[in-house]
Amino acid sequence: VELKDLELAEGWGMDVSGTGLPSGQKIKALSLNCPQCA
């Protein structure tokens, strides 16, 4: 199925617990360092 098939209630996507992002919004790229060579 697709999410539209579930007819989710309006306003359902305002928060994703623990991320502070709207529901459905992905975390953007993270900048890290290699633990071996930095």
PDB file of all heavy atoms in Angstrom:
ATOM      1  N   VAL A   1       0.837  -1.196   0.000  1.00  0.00           N
ATOM      2  CA  VAL A   1       0.000   0.000   0.000  1.00  0.00           C
ATOM      3  C   VAL A   1       0.873   1.247   0.000  1.00  0.00           C
ATOM      4  O   VAL A   1       2.075   1.194   0.289  1.00  0.00           O
ATOM      5  CB  VAL A   1      -0.952   0.031   1.215  1.00  0.00           C
ATOM      6  CG1 VAL A   1      -1.911  -1.139   1.191  1.00  0.00           C
ATOM      7  CG2 VAL A   1      -0.157   0.052   2.525  1.00  0.00           C
ATOM      8  N   GLU A   2       0.265   2.367  -0.312  1.00  0.00           N
ATOM      9  CA  GLU A   2       0.884   3.674  -0.173  1.00  0.00           C
ATOM     10  C   GLU A   2       0.198   4.396   0.974  1.00  0.00           C
ATOM     11  O   GLU A   2      -0.940   4.064   1.351  1.00  0.00           O
ATOM     12  CB  GLU A   2       0.766   4.466  -1.475  1.00  0.00           C
ATOM     13  CG  GLU A   2       1.480   3.828  -2.654  1.00  0.00           C
ATOM     14  CD  GLU A   2       1.361   4.663  -3.915  1.00  0.00           C
ATOM     15  OE1 GLU A   2       0.862   5.809  -3.829  1.00  0.00           O
ATOM     16  OE2 GLU A   2       1.742   4.166  -4.991  1.00  0.00           O
ATOM     17  N   LEU A   3       0.871   5.402   1.520  1.00  0.00           N
ATOM     18  CA  LEU A   3       0.302   6.100   2.676  1.00  0.00           C
ATOM     19  C   LEU A   3      -1.048   6.724   2.346  1.00  0.00           C
ATOM     20  O   LEU A   3      -1.930   6.805   3.204  1.00  0.00           O
ATOM     21  CB  LEU A   3       1.279   7.174   3.165  1.00  0.00           C
ATOM     22  CG  LEU A   3       2.537   6.668   3.872  1.00  0.00           C
ATOM     23  CD1 LEU A   3       3.377   7.831   4.353  1.00  0.00           C
ATOM     24  CD2 LEU A   3       2.180   5.760   5.038  1.00  0.00           C
ATOM     25  N   LYS A   4      -1.226   7.145   1.091  1.00  0.00           N
ATOM     26  CA  LYS A   4      -2.502   7.752   0.722  1.00  0.00           C
ATOM     27  C   LYS A   4      -3.650   6.744   0.823  1.00  0.00           C
ATOM     28  O   LYS A   4      -4.813   7.127   1.010  1.00  0.00           O
ATOM     29  CB  LYS A   4      -2.431   8.328  -0.695  1.00  0.00           C
ATOM     30  CG  LYS A   4      -2.199   7.292  -1.779  1.00  0.00           C
ATOM     31  CD  LYS A   4      -2.109   7.943  -3.158  1.00  0.00           C
ATOM     32  CE  LYS A   4      -1.895   6.901  -4.246  1.00  0.00           C
ATOM     33  NZ  LYS A   4      -1.783   7.526  -5.598  1.00  0.00           N
ATOM     34  N   ASP A   5      -3.331   5.447   0.698  1.00  0.00           N
ATOM     35  CA  ASP A   5      -4.367   4.424   0.812  1.00  0.00           C
ATOM     36  C   ASP A   5      -4.905   4.316   2.235  1.00  0.00           C
ATOM     37  O   ASP A   5      -6.000   3.776   2.446  1.00  0.00           O
ATOM     38  CB  ASP A   5      -3.816   3.055   0.390  1.00  0.00           C
ATOM     39  CG  ASP A   5      -3.351   3.035  -1.059  1.00  0.00           C
ATOM     40  OD1 ASP A   5      -3.982   3.709  -1.891  1.00  0.00           O
ATOM     41  OD2 ASP A   5      -2.349   2.352  -1.350  1.00  0.00           O
ATOM     42  N   LEU A   6      -4.143   4.825   3.212  1.00  0.00           N
ATOM     43  CA  LEU A   6      -4.531   4.705   4.618  1.00  0.00           C
ATOM     44  C   LEU A   6      -5.372   5.875   5.102  1.00  0.00           C
ATOM     45  O   LEU A   6      -5.843   5.867   6.241  1.00  0.00           O
ATOM     46  CB  LEU A   6      -3.281   4.564   5.493  1.00  0.00           C
ATOM     47  CG  LEU A   6      -2.366   3.380   5.147  1.00  0.00           C
ATOM     48  CD1 LEU A   6      -1.159   3.358   6.078  1.00  0.00           C
ATOM     49  CD2 LEU A   6      -3.118   2.057   5.240  1.00  0.00           C
ATOM     50  N   GLU A   7      -5.536   6.903   4.261  1.00  0.00           N
ATOM     51  CA  GLU A   7      -6.367   8.066   4.593  1.00  0.00           C
ATOM     52  C   GLU A   7      -6.085   8.571   6.003  1.00  0.00           C
ATOM     53  O   GLU A   7      -6.992   8.695   6.839  1.00  0.00           O
ATOM     54  CB  GLU A   7      -7.844   7.720   4.435  1.00  0.00           C
ATOM     55  CG  GLU A   7      -8.250   7.337   3.023  1.00  0.00           C
ATOM     56  CD  GLU A   7      -9.741   7.087   2.892  1.00  0.00           C
ATOM     57  OE1 GLU A   7     -10.522   7.868   3.481  1.00  0.00           O
ATOM     58  OE2 GLU A   7     -10.132   6.112   2.227  1.00  0.00           O
ATOM     59  N   LEU A   8      -4.818   8.873   6.265  1.00  0.00           N
ATOM     60  CA  LEU A   8      -4.420   9.317   7.604  1.00  0.00           C
ATOM     61  C   LEU A   8      -5.024  10.680   7.911  1.00  0.00           C
ATOM     62  O   LEU A   8      -5.188  11.527   7.025  1.00  0.00           O
ATOM     63  CB  LEU A   8      -2.895   9.368   7.689  1.00  0.00           C
ATOM     64  CG  LEU A   8      -2.209   8.014   7.454  1.00  0.00           C
ATOM     65  CD1 LEU A   8      -0.706   8.186   7.400  1.00  0.00           C
ATOM     66  CD2 LEU A   8      -2.589   7.013   8.543  1.00  0.00           C
ATOM     67  N   ALA A   9      -5.320  10.893   9.189  1.00  0.00           N
ATOM     68  CA  ALA A   9      -5.989  12.120   9.609  1.00  0.00           C
ATOM     69  C   ALA A   9      -5.127  13.335   9.330  1.00  0.00           C
ATOM     70  O   ALA A   9      -3.889  13.276   9.380  1.00  0.00           O
ATOM     71  CB  ALA A   9      -6.325  12.034  11.099  1.00  0.00           C
ATOM     72  N   GLU A  10      -5.761  14.460   9.032  1.00  0.00           N
ATOM     73  CA  GLU A  10      -5.028  15.691   8.756  1.00  0.00           C
ATOM     74  C   GLU A  10      -4.262  16.132   9.998  1.00  0.00           C
ATOM     75  O   GLU A  10      -4.735  16.027  11.125  1.00  0.00           O
ATOM     76  CB  GLU A  10      -6.000  16.802   8.341  1.00  0.00           C
ATOM     77  CG  GLU A  10      -6.673  16.557   7.006  1.00  0.00           C
ATOM     78  CD  GLU A  10      -7.544  17.721   6.585  1.00  0.00           C
ATOM     79  OE1 GLU A  10      -7.486  18.765   7.261  1.00  0.00           O
ATOM     80  OE2 GLU A  10      -8.276  17.584   5.588  1.00  0.00           O
ATOM     81  N   GLY A  11      -3.041  16.632   9.757  1.00  0.00           N
ATOM     82  CA  GLY A  11      -2.210  17.117  10.855  1.00  0.00           C
ATOM     83  C   GLY A  11      -1.440  16.036  11.570  1.00  0.00           C
ATOM     84  O   GLY A  11      -0.767  16.291  12.556  1.00  0.00           O
ATOM     85  N   TRP A  12      -1.519  14.789  11.022  1.00  0.00           N
ATOM     86  CA  TRP A  12      -0.853  13.678  11.707  1.00  0.00           C
ATOM     87  C   TRP A  12       0.651  13.771  11.662  1.00  0.00           C
ATOM     88  O   TRP A  12       1.344  13.231  12.508  1.00  0.00           O
ATOM     89  CB  TRP A  12      -1.278  12.355  11.074  1.00  0.00           C
ATOM     90  CG  TRP A  12      -0.862  12.215   9.640  1.00  0.00           C
ATOM     91  CD1 TRP A  12      -1.541  12.644   8.548  1.00  0.00           C
ATOM     92  CD2 TRP A  12       0.330  11.632   9.141  1.00  0.00           C
ATOM     93  NE1 TRP A  12      -0.860  12.369   7.393  1.00  0.00           N
ATOM     94  CE2 TRP A  12       0.301  11.740   7.732  1.00  0.00           C
ATOM     95  CE3 TRP A  12       1.435  11.027   9.725  1.00  0.00           C
ATOM     96  CZ2 TRP A  12       1.321  11.273   6.917  1.00  0.00           C
ATOM     97  CZ3 TRP A  12       2.444  10.555   8.909  1.00  0.00           C
ATOM     98  CH2 TRP A  12       2.392  10.677   7.527  1.00  0.00           C
ATOM     99  N   GLY A  13       1.233  14.475  10.665  1.00  0.00           N
ATOM    100  CA  GLY A  13       2.677  14.445  10.482  1.00  0.00           C
ATOM    101  C   GLY A  13       3.416  15.624  11.054  1.00  0.00           C
ATOM    102  O   GLY A  13       4.314  16.155  10.427  1.00  0.00           O
ATOM    103  N   MET A  14       3.043  16.083  12.250  1.00  0.00           N
ATOM    104  CA  MET A  14       3.674  17.283  12.799  1.00  0.00           C
ATOM    105  C   MET A  14       4.919  16.992  13.620  1.00  0.00           C
ATOM    106  O   MET A  14       5.704  17.866  13.889  1.00  0.00           O
ATOM    107  CB  MET A  14       2.660  18.036  13.664  1.00  0.00           C
ATOM    108  CG  MET A  14       1.456  18.529  12.874  1.00  0.00           C
ATOM    109  SD  MET A  14       1.925  19.528  11.432  1.00  0.00           S
ATOM    110  CE  MET A  14       2.721  20.906  12.234  1.00  0.00           C
ATOM    111  N   ASP A  15       5.122  15.737  14.023  1.00  0.00           N
ATOM    112  CA  ASP A  15       6.281  15.474  14.870  1.00  0.00           C
ATOM    113  C   ASP A  15       6.689  14.021  14.778  1.00  0.00           C
ATOM    114  O   ASP A  15       5.861  13.138  14.648  1.00  0.00           O
ATOM    115  CB  ASP A  15       5.960  15.819  16.336  1.00  0.00           C
ATOM    116  CG  ASP A  15       7.132  15.501  17.251  1.00  0.00           C
ATOM    117  OD1 ASP A  15       8.240  15.992  16.987  1.00  0.00           O
ATOM    118  OD2 ASP A  15       6.934  14.768  18.222  1.00  0.00           O
ATOM    119  N   VAL A  16       7.971  13.802  14.805  1.00  0.00           N
ATOM    120  CA  VAL A  16       8.505  12.444  14.944  1.00  0.00           C
ATOM    121  C   VAL A  16       9.269  12.420  16.254  1.00  0.00           C
ATOM    122  O   VAL A  16      10.219  13.160  16.439  1.00  0.00           O
ATOM    123  CB  VAL A  16       9.441  12.088  13.777  1.00  0.00           C
ATOM    124  CG1 VAL A  16      10.109  10.752  14.043  1.00  0.00           C
ATOM    125  CG2 VAL A  16       8.637  12.010  12.488  1.00  0.00           C
ATOM    126  N   SER A  17       8.855  11.583  17.170  1.00  0.00           N
ATOM    127  CA  SER A  17       9.437  11.578  18.504  1.00  0.00           C
ATOM    128  C   SER A  17      10.945  11.411  18.468  1.00  0.00           C
ATOM    129  O   SER A  17      11.476  10.491  17.863  1.00  0.00           O
ATOM    130  CB  SER A  17       8.811  10.450  19.336  1.00  0.00           C
ATOM    131  OG  SER A  17       9.386  10.397  20.615  1.00  0.00           O
ATOM    132  N   GLY A  18      11.612  12.344  19.120  1.00  0.00           N
ATOM    133  CA  GLY A  18      13.055  12.218  19.266  1.00  0.00           C
ATOM    134  C   GLY A  18      13.871  12.885  18.181  1.00  0.00           C
ATOM    135  O   GLY A  18      15.087  12.969  18.292  1.00  0.00           O
ATOM    136  N   THR A  19      13.249  13.379  17.097  1.00  0.00           N
ATOM    137  CA  THR A  19      14.027  13.998  16.022  1.00  0.00           C
ATOM    138  C   THR A  19      13.799  15.488  15.911  1.00  0.00           C
ATOM    139  O   THR A  19      14.652  16.211  15.414  1.00  0.00           O
ATOM    140  CB  THR A  19      13.668  13.375  14.665  1.00  0.00           C
ATOM    141  OG1 THR A  19      12.318  13.720  14.344  1.00  0.00           O
ATOM    142  CG2 THR A  19      13.800  11.875  14.681  1.00  0.00           C
ATOM    143  N   GLY A  20      12.625  15.971  16.348  1.00  0.00           N
ATOM    144  CA  GLY A  20      12.319  17.369  16.160  1.00  0.00           C
ATOM    145  C   GLY A  20      11.992  17.717  14.729  1.00  0.00           C
ATOM    146  O   GLY A  20      11.904  18.880  14.364  1.00  0.00           O
ATOM    147  N   LEU A  21      11.812  16.694  13.896  1.00  0.00           N
ATOM    148  CA  LEU A  21      11.525  16.909  12.483  1.00  0.00           C
ATOM    149  C   LEU A  21      10.067  16.601  12.209  1.00  0.00           C
ATOM    150  O   LEU A  21       9.459  15.782  12.885  1.00  0.00           O
ATOM    151  CB  LEU A  21      12.403  15.992  11.611  1.00  0.00           C
ATOM    152  CG  LEU A  21      13.901  16.219  11.667  1.00  0.00           C
ATOM    153  CD1 LEU A  21      14.587  15.093  10.897  1.00  0.00           C
ATOM    154  CD2 LEU A  21      14.276  17.560  11.077  1.00  0.00           C
ATOM    155  N   PRO A  22       9.488  17.257  11.205  1.00  0.00           N
ATOM    156  CA  PRO A  22       8.151  16.845  10.775  1.00  0.00           C
ATOM    157  C   PRO A  22       8.167  15.397  10.336  1.00  0.00           C
ATOM    158  O   PRO A  22       9.153  14.918   9.802  1.00  0.00           O
ATOM    159  CB  PRO A  22       7.854  17.793   9.596  1.00  0.00           C
ATOM    160  CG  PRO A  22       8.758  18.956   9.800  1.00  0.00           C
ATOM    161  CD  PRO A  22       9.989  18.404  10.446  1.00  0.00           C
ATOM    162  N   SER A  23       7.058  14.714  10.562  1.00  0.00           N
ATOM    163  CA  SER A  23       6.990  13.310  10.169  1.00  0.00           C
ATOM    164  C   SER A  23       7.205  13.165   8.675  1.00  0.00           C
ATOM    165  O   SER A  23       6.651  13.893   7.881  1.00  0.00           O
ATOM    166  CB  SER A  23       5.622  12.745  10.549  1.00  0.00           C
ATOM    167  OG  SER A  23       5.577  11.383  10.297  1.00  0.00           O
ATOM    168  N   GLY A  24       8.034  12.183   8.302  1.00  0.00           N
ATOM    169  CA  GLY A  24       8.327  11.944   6.907  1.00  0.00           C
ATOM    170  C   GLY A  24       9.546  12.675   6.408  1.00  0.00           C
ATOM    171  O   GLY A  24      10.018  12.431   5.319  1.00  0.00           O
ATOM    172  N   GLN A  25      10.100  13.609   7.216  1.00  0.00           N
ATOM    173  CA  GLN A  25      11.287  14.335   6.784  1.00  0.00           C
ATOM    174  C   GLN A  25      12.529  13.600   7.249  1.00  0.00           C
ATOM    175  O   GLN A  25      12.697  13.299   8.415  1.00  0.00           O
ATOM    176  CB  GLN A  25      11.272  15.764   7.358  1.00  0.00           C
ATOM    177  CG  GLN A  25      12.485  16.590   6.950  1.00  0.00           C
ATOM    178  CD  GLN A  25      12.387  18.014   7.451  1.00  0.00           C
ATOM    179  OE1 GLN A  25      11.306  18.544   7.605  1.00  0.00           O
ATOM    180  NE2 GLN A  25      13.514  18.636   7.726  1.00  0.00           N
ATOM    181  N   LYS A  26      13.411  13.308   6.319  1.00  0.00           N
ATOM    182  CA  LYS A  26      14.600  12.530   6.650  1.00  0.00           C
ATOM    183  C   LYS A  26      15.714  13.409   7.207  1.00  0.00           C
ATOM    184  O   LYS A  26      15.824  14.596   6.884  1.00  0.00           O
ATOM    185  CB  LYS A  26      15.117  11.828   5.391  1.00  0.00           C
ATOM    186  CG  LYS A  26      14.092  10.892   4.766  1.00  0.00           C
ATOM    187  CD  LYS A  26      13.872   9.689   5.618  1.00  0.00           C
ATOM    188  CE  LYS A  26      12.926   8.706   4.949  1.00  0.00           C
ATOM    189  NZ  LYS A  26      12.704   7.505   5.721  1.00  0.00           N
ATOM    190  N   ILE A  27      16.550  12.812   8.065  1.00  0.00           N
ATOM    191  CA  ILE A  27      17.725  13.508   8.540  1.00  0.00           C
ATOM    192  C   ILE A  27      18.665  13.744   7.368  1.00  0.00           C
ATOM    193  O   ILE A  27      18.907  12.865   6.564  1.00  0.00           O
ATOM    194  CB  ILE A  27      18.451  12.673   9.620  1.00  0.00           C
ATOM    195  CG1 ILE A  27      17.552  12.530  10.852  1.00  0.00           C
ATOM    196  CG2 ILE A  27      19.769  13.310  10.013  1.00  0.00           C
ATOM    197  CD1 ILE A  27      18.154  11.665  11.931  1.00  0.00           C
ATOM    198  N   LYS A  28      19.184  14.955   7.260  1.00  0.00           N
ATOM    199  CA  LYS A  28      20.094  15.268   6.165  1.00  0.00           C
ATOM    200  C   LYS A  28      21.463  14.647   6.438  1.00  0.00           C
ATOM    201  O   LYS A  28      21.698  14.025   7.452  1.00  0.00           O
ATOM    202  CB  LYS A  28      20.192  16.785   5.998  1.00  0.00           C
ATOM    203  CG  LYS A  28      18.876  17.428   5.571  1.00  0.00           C
ATOM    204  CD  LYS A  28      19.039  18.921   5.371  1.00  0.00           C
ATOM    205  CE  LYS A  28      17.722  19.540   4.921  1.00  0.00           C
ATOM    206  NZ  LYS A  28      17.847  21.006   4.726  1.00  0.00           N
ATOM    207  N   ALA A  29      22.369  14.833   5.511  1.00  0.00           N
ATOM    208  CA  ALA A  29      23.680  14.201   5.591  1.00  0.00           C
ATOM    209  C   ALA A  29      24.393  14.559   6.893  1.00  0.00           C
ATOM    210  O   ALA A  29      24.351  15.700   7.341  1.00  0.00           O
ATOM    211  CB  ALA A  29      24.526  14.618   4.395  1.00  0.00           C
ATOM    212  N   LEU A  30      25.036  13.553   7.478  1.00  0.00           N
ATOM    213  CA  LEU A  30      25.848  13.760   8.668  1.00  0.00           C
ATOM    214  C   LEU A  30      27.315  13.820   8.263  1.00  0.00           C
ATOM    215  O   LEU A  30      27.776  13.039   7.442  1.00  0.00           O
ATOM    216  CB  LEU A  30      25.652  12.613   9.662  1.00  0.00           C
ATOM    217  CG  LEU A  30      24.287  12.477  10.335  1.00  0.00           C
ATOM    218  CD1 LEU A  30      24.293  11.282  11.270  1.00  0.00           C
ATOM    219  CD2 LEU A  30      23.933  13.748  11.108  1.00  0.00           C
ATOM    220  N   SER A  31      28.045  14.735   8.852  1.00  0.00           N
ATOM    221  CA  SER A  31      29.483  14.838   8.607  1.00  0.00           C
ATOM    222  C   SER A  31      30.205  14.188   9.780  1.00  0.00           C
ATOM    223  O   SER A  31      30.058  14.622  10.926  1.00  0.00           O
ATOM    224  CB  SER A  31      29.904  16.306   8.458  1.00  0.00           C
ATOM    225  OG  SER A  31      29.301  16.877   7.307  1.00  0.00           O
ATOM    226  N   LEU A  32      30.974  13.145   9.472  1.00  0.00           N
ATOM    227  CA  LEU A  32      31.693  12.401  10.495  1.00  0.00           C
ATOM    228  C   LEU A  32      33.143  12.239  10.082  1.00  0.00           C
ATOM    229  O   LEU A  32      33.551  12.661   8.998  1.00  0.00           O
ATOM    230  CB  LEU A  32      31.050  11.025  10.691  1.00  0.00           C
ATOM    231  CG  LEU A  32      29.559  10.997  11.058  1.00  0.00           C
ATOM    232  CD1 LEU A  32      29.040   9.572  10.975  1.00  0.00           C
ATOM    233  CD2 LEU A  32      29.333  11.563  12.443  1.00  0.00           C
ATOM    234  N   ASN A  33      33.919  11.634  10.969  1.00  0.00           N
ATOM    235  CA  ASN A  33      35.324  11.330  10.669  1.00  0.00           C
ATOM    236  C   ASN A  33      35.562   9.836  10.805  1.00  0.00           C
ATOM    237  O   ASN A  33      35.019   9.180  11.697  1.00  0.00           O
ATOM    238  CB  ASN A  33      36.263  12.096  11.610  1.00  0.00           C
ATOM    239  CG  ASN A  33      36.182  13.594  11.424  1.00  0.00           C
ATOM    240  OD1 ASN A  33      35.520  14.294  12.192  1.00  0.00           O
ATOM    241  ND2 ASN A  33      36.828  14.097  10.388  1.00  0.00           N
ATOM    242  N   CYS A  34      36.374   9.310   9.915  1.00  0.00           N
ATOM    243  CA  CYS A  34      36.719   7.897   9.960  1.00  0.00           C
ATOM    244  C   CYS A  34      37.456   7.598  11.259  1.00  0.00           C
ATOM    245  O   CYS A  34      38.424   8.298  11.609  1.00  0.00           O
ATOM    246  CB  CYS A  34      37.594   7.542   8.750  1.00  0.00           C
ATOM    247  SG  CYS A  34      38.266   5.863   8.803  1.00  0.00           S
ATOM    248  N   PRO A  35      37.063   6.584  12.030  1.00  0.00           N
ATOM    249  CA  PRO A  35      37.742   6.267  13.284  1.00  0.00           C
ATOM    250  C   PRO A  35      39.165   5.740  13.096  1.00  0.00           C
ATOM    251  O   PRO A  35      39.918   5.682  14.065  1.00  0.00           O
ATOM    252  CB  PRO A  35      36.837   5.201  13.912  1.00  0.00           C
ATOM    253  CG  PRO A  35      36.096   4.604  12.772  1.00  0.00           C
ATOM    254  CD  PRO A  35      35.913   5.706  11.786  1.00  0.00           C
ATOM    255  N   GLN A  36      39.552   5.388  11.877  1.00  0.00           N
ATOM    256  CA  GLN A  36      40.893   4.893  11.619  1.00  0.00           C
ATOM    257  C   GLN A  36      41.851   5.984  11.183  1.00  0.00           C
ATOM    258  O   GLN A  36      42.964   6.095  11.696  1.00  0.00           O
ATOM    259  CB  GLN A  36      40.855   3.803  10.537  1.00  0.00           C
ATOM    260  CG  GLN A  36      40.364   2.455  11.025  1.00  0.00           C
ATOM    261  CD  GLN A  36      41.268   1.851  12.078  1.00  0.00           C
ATOM    262  OE1 GLN A  36      40.937   1.897  13.268  1.00  0.00           O
ATOM    263  NE2 GLN A  36      42.387   1.301  11.676  1.00  0.00           N
ATOM    264  N   CYS A  37      41.445   6.798  10.194  1.00  0.00           N
ATOM    265  CA  CYS A  37      42.359   7.803   9.649  1.00  0.00           C
ATOM    266  C   CYS A  37      41.908   9.227   9.914  1.00  0.00           C
ATOM    267  O   CYS A  37      42.607  10.177   9.522  1.00  0.00           O
ATOM    268  CB  CYS A  37      42.541   7.590   8.145  1.00  0.00           C
ATOM    269  SG  CYS A  37      41.067   7.977   7.171  1.00  0.00           S
ATOM    270  N   ALA A  38      40.748   9.391  10.538  1.00  0.00           N
ATOM    271  CA  ALA A  38      40.169  10.707  10.838  1.00  0.00           C
ATOM    272  C   ALA A  38      39.784  11.474   9.580  1.00  0.00           C
ATOM    273  O   ALA A  38      39.491  12.660   9.631  1.00  0.00           O
ATOM    274  CB  ALA A  38      41.118  11.548  11.685  1.00  0.00           C
TER     275      ALA A  38
END
